[in-house]
Amino acid sequence: MFALIAFPVVALYKGDFDHNANVYVATLNATALKAETRARLEFEEEFKRTWSENVNDYLRSVEEVRREMESIAADKNKISMEGLLKLEEKMSDIQEGINIQTPYVIL
């Protein structure tokens, strides 16, 4: 009526248990190290790609600002040159007026 099921009994000695535990822990460590290495490599790749994109964006924005500042400086120089020319014309007009109003005295 009752079936007797026999399970094989494995006698483990302390040395076998320690060895098996060491193998198990070493396997876990190796697996964890592989996973950690893989995660680190993936992170580094992502970091390099993101950093590269950010640096390129930054350099593009710096280049745009530089171009804008150059155009402002060119406009400012143009305005300055126009202002200097007008000032020079006014000064020459004033100088001519002074020369006309003041007779030369010959000694």
C-alpha atoms as a PDB file:
ATOM      1  CA  MET A   1       0.000   0.000   0.000  1.00  0.00           C
ATOM      2  CA  PHE A   2       2.668   2.409   0.857  1.00  0.00           C
ATOM      3  CA  ALA A   3       5.444   2.815  -1.580  1.00  0.00           C
ATOM      4  CA  LEU A   4       8.810   3.249  -0.083  1.00  0.00           C
ATOM      5  CA  ILE A   5      10.841   5.805  -1.943  1.00  0.00           C
ATOM      6  CA  ALA A   6      14.504   5.705  -1.319  1.00  0.00           C
ATOM      7  CA  PHE A   7      16.571   8.853  -1.675  1.00  0.00           C
ATOM      8  CA  PRO A   8      20.258   8.481  -2.080  1.00  0.00           C
ATOM      9  CA  VAL A   9      22.049   9.860   0.902  1.00  0.00           C
ATOM     10  CA  VAL A  10      25.239  11.665   0.152  1.00  0.00           C
ATOM     11  CA  ALA A  11      27.606  11.918   2.980  1.00  0.00           C
ATOM     12  CA  LEU A  12      29.256  15.290   3.029  1.00  0.00           C
ATOM     13  CA  TYR A  13      32.353  15.722   4.963  1.00  0.00           C
ATOM     14  CA  LYS A  14      33.435  19.101   6.268  1.00  0.00           C
ATOM     15  CA  GLY A  15      36.158  19.333   3.626  1.00  0.00           C
ATOM     16  CA  ASP A  16      33.690  18.616   0.814  1.00  0.00           C
ATOM     17  CA  PHE A  17      31.233  21.161   2.180  1.00  0.00           C
ATOM     18  CA  ASP A  18      33.928  23.848   2.445  1.00  0.00           C
ATOM     19  CA  HIS A  19      35.140  23.089  -1.068  1.00  0.00           C
ATOM     20  CA  ASN A  20      31.605  23.190  -2.498  1.00  0.00           C
ATOM     21  CA  ALA A  21      30.869  26.420  -0.628  1.00  0.00           C
ATOM     22  CA  ASN A  22      34.081  27.976  -1.929  1.00  0.00           C
ATOM     23  CA  VAL A  23      33.257  26.934  -5.487  1.00  0.00           C
ATOM     24  CA  TYR A  24      29.729  28.325  -5.114  1.00  0.00           C
ATOM     25  CA  VAL A  25      30.974  31.635  -3.700  1.00  0.00           C
ATOM     26  CA  ALA A  26      33.669  31.875  -6.372  1.00  0.00           C
ATOM     27  CA  THR A  27      31.036  31.268  -9.056  1.00  0.00           C
ATOM     28  CA  LEU A  28      28.806  33.953  -7.555  1.00  0.00           C
ATOM     29  CA  ASN A  29      31.741  36.359  -7.358  1.00  0.00           C
ATOM     30  CA  ALA A  30      32.712  35.680 -10.965  1.00  0.00           C
ATOM     31  CA  THR A  31      29.118  36.173 -12.103  1.00  0.00           C
ATOM     32  CA  ALA A  32      28.807  39.367 -10.088  1.00  0.00           C
ATOM     33  CA  LEU A  33      32.148  40.593 -11.441  1.00  0.00           C
ATOM     34  CA  LYS A  34      31.035  39.903 -15.003  1.00  0.00           C
ATOM     35  CA  ALA A  35      27.757  41.738 -14.403  1.00  0.00           C
ATOM     36  CA  GLU A  36      29.596  44.621 -12.720  1.00  0.00           C
ATOM     37  CA  THR A  37      32.128  44.811 -15.545  1.00  0.00           C
ATOM     38  CA  ARG A  38      29.379  44.719 -18.154  1.00  0.00           C
ATOM     39  CA  ALA A  39      27.421  47.424 -16.308  1.00  0.00           C
ATOM     40  CA  ARG A  40      30.561  49.552 -15.931  1.00  0.00           C
ATOM     41  CA  LEU A  41      31.395  49.216 -19.624  1.00  0.00           C
ATOM     42  CA  GLU A  42      27.835  50.099 -20.605  1.00  0.00           C
ATOM     43  CA  PHE A  43      27.930  53.099 -18.262  1.00  0.00           C
ATOM     44  CA  GLU A  44      31.268  54.247 -19.686  1.00  0.00           C
ATOM     45  CA  GLU A  45      29.966  53.938 -23.243  1.00  0.00           C
ATOM     46  CA  GLU A  46      26.830  55.898 -22.339  1.00  0.00           C
ATOM     47  CA  PHE A  47      28.910  58.485 -20.480  1.00  0.00           C
ATOM     48  CA  LYS A  48      31.308  58.912 -23.415  1.00  0.00           C
ATOM     49  CA  ARG A  49      28.455  59.232 -25.889  1.00  0.00           C
ATOM     50  CA  THR A  50      26.533  61.677 -23.689  1.00  0.00           C
ATOM     51  CA  TRP A  51      29.649  63.657 -22.797  1.00  0.00           C
ATOM     52  CA  SER A  52      30.671  63.796 -26.444  1.00  0.00           C
ATOM     53  CA  GLU A  53      27.224  65.063 -27.437  1.00  0.00           C
ATOM     54  CA  ASN A  54      27.237  67.614 -24.609  1.00  0.00           C
ATOM     55  CA  VAL A  55      30.727  68.825 -25.496  1.00  0.00           C
ATOM     56  CA  ASN A  56      29.755  69.136 -29.150  1.00  0.00           C
ATOM     57  CA  ASP A  57      26.612  71.056 -28.169  1.00  0.00           C
ATOM     58  CA  TYR A  58      28.695  73.263 -25.902  1.00  0.00           C
ATOM     59  CA  LEU A  59      31.273  73.905 -28.621  1.00  0.00           C
ATOM     60  CA  ARG A  60      28.513  74.680 -31.120  1.00  0.00           C
ATOM     61  CA  SER A  61      26.934  77.146 -28.708  1.00  0.00           C
ATOM     62  CA  VAL A  62      30.331  78.738 -28.011  1.00  0.00           C
ATOM     63  CA  GLU A  63      30.918  79.032 -31.751  1.00  0.00           C
ATOM     64  CA  GLU A  64      27.506  80.659 -32.214  1.00  0.00           C
ATOM     65  CA  VAL A  65      28.201  83.141 -29.408  1.00  0.00           C
ATOM     66  CA  ARG A  66      31.633  83.897 -30.879  1.00  0.00           C
ATOM     67  CA  ARG A  67      30.113  84.586 -34.299  1.00  0.00           C
ATOM     68  CA  GLU A  68      27.435  86.787 -32.763  1.00  0.00           C
ATOM     69  CA  MET A  69      30.025  88.741 -30.783  1.00  0.00           C
ATOM     70  CA  GLU A  70      32.149  89.172 -33.906  1.00  0.00           C
ATOM     71  CA  SER A  71      29.149  90.542 -35.798  1.00  0.00           C
ATOM     72  CA  ILE A  72      28.353  92.895 -32.903  1.00  0.00           C
ATOM     73  CA  ALA A  73      31.991  94.004 -32.795  1.00  0.00           C
ATOM     74  CA  ALA A  74      31.961  94.552 -36.564  1.00  0.00           C
ATOM     75  CA  ASP A  75      28.760  96.603 -36.263  1.00  0.00           C
ATOM     76  CA  LYS A  76      30.266  98.514 -33.352  1.00  0.00           C
ATOM     77  CA  ASN A  77      33.451  99.180 -35.323  1.00  0.00           C
ATOM     78  CA  LYS A  78      31.368 100.306 -38.279  1.00  0.00           C
ATOM     79  CA  ILE A  79      29.366 102.626 -36.029  1.00  0.00           C
ATOM     80  CA  SER A  80      32.571 103.809 -34.369  1.00  0.00           C
ATOM     81  CA  MET A  81      34.189 104.520 -37.727  1.00  0.00           C
ATOM     82  CA  GLU A  82      31.094 106.375 -38.900  1.00  0.00           C
ATOM     83  CA  GLY A  83      31.087 108.325 -35.640  1.00  0.00           C
ATOM     84  CA  LEU A  84      34.770 109.124 -35.998  1.00  0.00           C
ATOM     85  CA  LEU A  85      34.269 110.304 -39.568  1.00  0.00           C
ATOM     86  CA  LYS A  86      31.393 112.554 -38.491  1.00  0.00           C
ATOM     87  CA  LEU A  87      33.470 113.875 -35.604  1.00  0.00           C
ATOM     88  CA  GLU A  88      36.378 114.516 -37.955  1.00  0.00           C
ATOM     89  CA  GLU A  89      34.069 116.373 -40.348  1.00  0.00           C
ATOM     90  CA  LYS A  90      32.726 118.506 -37.492  1.00  0.00           C
ATOM     91  CA  MET A  91      36.234 119.225 -36.262  1.00  0.00           C
ATOM     92  CA  SER A  92      37.400 120.201 -39.735  1.00  0.00           C
ATOM     93  CA  ASP A  93      34.306 122.423 -40.149  1.00  0.00           C
ATOM     94  CA  ILE A  94      35.054 124.085 -36.821  1.00  0.00           C
ATOM     95  CA  GLN A  95      38.718 124.424 -37.774  1.00  0.00           C
ATOM     96  CA  GLU A  96      37.752 126.010 -41.096  1.00  0.00           C
ATOM     97  CA  GLY A  97      35.397 128.359 -39.250  1.00  0.00           C
ATOM     98  CA  ILE A  98      38.168 129.352 -36.871  1.00  0.00           C
ATOM     99  CA  ASN A  99      40.582 129.859 -39.746  1.00  0.00           C
ATOM    100  CA  ILE A 100      38.083 132.002 -41.627  1.00  0.00           C
ATOM    101  CA  GLN A 101      37.214 134.136 -38.618  1.00  0.00           C
ATOM    102  CA  THR A 102      40.785 134.647 -37.480  1.00  0.00           C
ATOM    103  CA  PRO A 103      42.914 136.613 -39.903  1.00  0.00           C
ATOM    104  CA  TYR A 104      46.485 135.643 -40.172  1.00  0.00           C
ATOM    105  CA  VAL A 105      48.862 138.191 -38.834  1.00  0.00           C
ATOM    106  CA  ILE A 106      52.024 138.469 -40.768  1.00  0.00           C
ATOM    107  CA  LEU A 107      54.895 139.706 -38.695  1.00  0.00           C
END
